[in-house]
Amino acid sequence: MTDDVTVATRLTEMEIRYSQLEDLVEQLSQLVREQADQIERLTEATKQLAGRLAQGGGGDPADPQADLPPHY
């Protein structure tokens, strides 16, 4: 009888652990989705900034006067 109780107890503990692992996997999957979305937004922002820089929106780095605020 003790073998049956031990096996049943171990099975119950394994089912509990399995359930907890399922929850953890779902949480991690959600986190990966959120990070993928954030990477996509950052990639788009980087492309936009690179486009602005290519169009001359970054100023002339050789001219230090270009970086001065207008009140100078």
Protein backbone atom coordinates (compact mmCIF):
# COMPACT_ATOMS: atom_id res chain seq x y z
CA MET A 1 0.00 0.00 0.00
CA THR A 2 2.81 2.40 0.74
CA ASP A 3 4.17 1.97 -2.75
CA ASP A 4 0.82 3.04 -4.18
CA VAL A 5 0.73 6.09 -1.89
CA THR A 6 4.32 6.98 -2.75
CA VAL A 7 3.66 6.65 -6.47
CA ALA A 8 0.46 8.69 -6.19
CA THR A 9 2.23 11.38 -4.17
CA ARG A 10 5.11 11.55 -6.64
CA LEU A 11 2.67 11.71 -9.54
CA THR A 12 0.76 14.55 -7.90
CA GLU A 13 4.01 16.46 -7.25
CA MET A 14 5.05 15.98 -10.86
CA GLU A 15 1.68 17.23 -12.11
CA ILE A 16 2.04 20.33 -9.92
CA ARG A 17 5.55 20.99 -11.22
CA TYR A 18 4.39 20.43 -14.80
CA SER A 19 1.59 22.95 -14.31
CA GLN A 20 4.02 25.49 -12.86
CA LEU A 21 6.39 24.95 -15.79
CA GLU A 22 3.54 25.48 -18.25
CA ASP A 23 2.78 28.81 -16.59
CA LEU A 24 6.44 29.79 -16.69
CA VAL A 25 6.71 28.91 -20.38
CA GLU A 26 3.66 31.06 -21.13
CA GLN A 27 5.12 34.00 -19.20
CA LEU A 28 8.43 33.66 -21.02
CA SER A 29 6.67 33.44 -24.38
CA GLN A 30 4.80 36.65 -23.61
CA LEU A 31 8.06 38.33 -22.64
CA VAL A 32 9.69 37.22 -25.89
CA ARG A 33 6.74 38.61 -27.88
CA GLU A 34 7.00 41.95 -26.06
CA GLN A 35 10.74 42.12 -26.66
CA ALA A 36 10.28 41.28 -30.35
CA ASP A 37 7.78 44.13 -30.64
CA GLN A 38 10.18 46.48 -28.89
CA ILE A 39 13.04 45.43 -31.17
CA GLU A 40 10.82 46.06 -34.18
CA ARG A 41 9.97 49.58 -32.94
CA LEU A 42 13.60 50.35 -32.19
CA THR A 43 14.69 49.07 -35.60
CA GLU A 44 12.13 51.33 -37.29
CA ALA A 45 13.25 54.31 -35.22
CA THR A 46 16.87 53.61 -36.13
CA LYS A 47 15.98 53.47 -39.82
CA GLN A 48 14.15 56.79 -39.55
CA LEU A 49 17.08 58.43 -37.79
CA ALA A 50 19.52 57.04 -40.36
CA GLY A 51 17.30 58.44 -43.12
CA ARG A 52 17.26 61.87 -41.50
CA LEU A 53 21.02 61.79 -41.12
CA ALA A 54 21.45 60.77 -44.76
CA GLN A 55 19.29 63.73 -45.81
CA GLY A 56 21.55 66.14 -43.98
CA GLY A 57 19.44 66.52 -40.86
CA GLY A 58 22.40 65.83 -38.62
CA GLY A 59 24.36 69.02 -39.30
CA ASP A 60 27.91 69.25 -40.52
CA PRO A 61 30.16 67.52 -37.97
CA ALA A 62 33.19 69.38 -39.36
CA ASP A 63 31.58 72.73 -38.44
CA PRO A 64 31.48 73.19 -34.63
CA GLN A 65 29.34 76.32 -35.06
CA ALA A 66 26.52 74.14 -36.43
CA ASP A 67 26.07 72.55 -32.98
CA LEU A 68 25.84 75.82 -31.05
CA PRO A 69 22.45 76.92 -29.75
CA PRO A 70 20.96 79.97 -31.51
CA HIS A 71 21.71 82.40 -28.64
CA TYR A 72 25.48 82.21 -29.23
